[in-house]
Amino acid sequence: MTYNNEKLPISVVIITLNESGSLGDCLASVDFAEDIVVVDSGSTDDTVAIAEKAGARVFYKEWLGFGQQKNYGVERAKFDWVFCIDADERVDGELQQSIRQVVANQKLQLELDSEVKSTPLTQPVFNGYRMARRNYFLGRGLKHGFGYPDLKVRFIDRRHGRWTEPAVHEYIAVDGPVGHLQGDLLHYSGESIQQFLEKNNRYTTLQASTLIAKSTSWPRLRIVVNPILCFIKGYFLKRAFLDGIPGLVHTVCHCFTTFAKYVKLYEHLQKEKNPSK
C-alpha cells in the first residue's frame, strides 16, 4: 500500500518565536502529517495565525530553553511517532518518501502481529531515525564540511526518545537503535554574516557557562589548538574547499565559534584569579 496521497499518523513538533517569514514554507513541507503541534513562546508577528491557518494545534509556553520547549511540544503530540523540525527547516521530497516508507512498514508489522494473535513475530527495528541536514549558507546549499551531512535525529518514538536540555546545542537522546533515512532536511537560516555572528556570540557565552560549571581545565592550549584542528578537519578532511567561498567562510565561522568559547572561559578564569581587575 502506498501513502503518497494520505496523511500519515505521526505528529510534527515545531517551536516558534516570530517566525512568520519562514513558518509557512516549513508547514507546507510537513503537510503529510495528521497532527502538527506548534509551541509558541510569545510571537508578536503573524506566526500564530499562519500556524492556525495551516491546521496546526498551537500552544503558548513561556520560554523554557530549547530542549525543554521541544519536550513540551513532544509531550502534547497525538501520536507516539514524532518528527521534530525547526521553522527554518524543510523536508525534501526524498526524505518525505523515506518517512512514508517507515510508517508503511510499521503498519505492515502491526497487521502481521494481529494475524498471529500471540507473541508478535516482528518488532520495530528502530526507536528513532537520523537524517542528513543540508545547510544553506551565503545563498548556497553546502555539500561538504560542517554544513553537510550534519546528521540529526529528528524522527522518534517518543516512548524511547527525548530532547536533552543543555543551555545550547540540544539533541534527541534515543534509548535503543537508531536508523538512517534517505533524503535531506533543508536548513534555510536566512542569516546574514552579522546575524550569524551575533547568534554565535550568544551561543558561545552559553557554551562557556557550561564549561565553567564543569570546572574545566585551563583553556590556554585549547584556545590555540582547537580552532586549528577544527579548520583542518572541516576545510580539508571534510572537503569544505569544494563549496567555494561559502564553504571557506562557513568553516572559518565554525572555527571562530570554537575559539570564542574558550576565550570566554579564559576571561572568566582570569577574573576569578584577579577579581579586583
Foldseek 3Di string as FASTA:
>chain_A
DACPPAAFAEEEEEEDAQLVPQQLQALVQNLSHPAYEYEYQDHPDCVVVSCVVSPYDYHYDHDDADQVSRQVRQVPIPAQKYFYDYSQKHFDPQQVRQVRVLRVVVVVQVVQQVVVVDPRPDDRQAFWEKEFAFEQFPNDGAPWFCRPRVIAIGIGRNVFWGWDGARDDIHIDGRHDYYYGDGYIYGCPVDDPVRVVVVLVVVLVSLLVVCVVVVDDQCPVQLPPVLVVQLCCGCPVRPLVVVPPRSVVVSNSVSVSSNSNNVVNNVVVVCVVPVVD
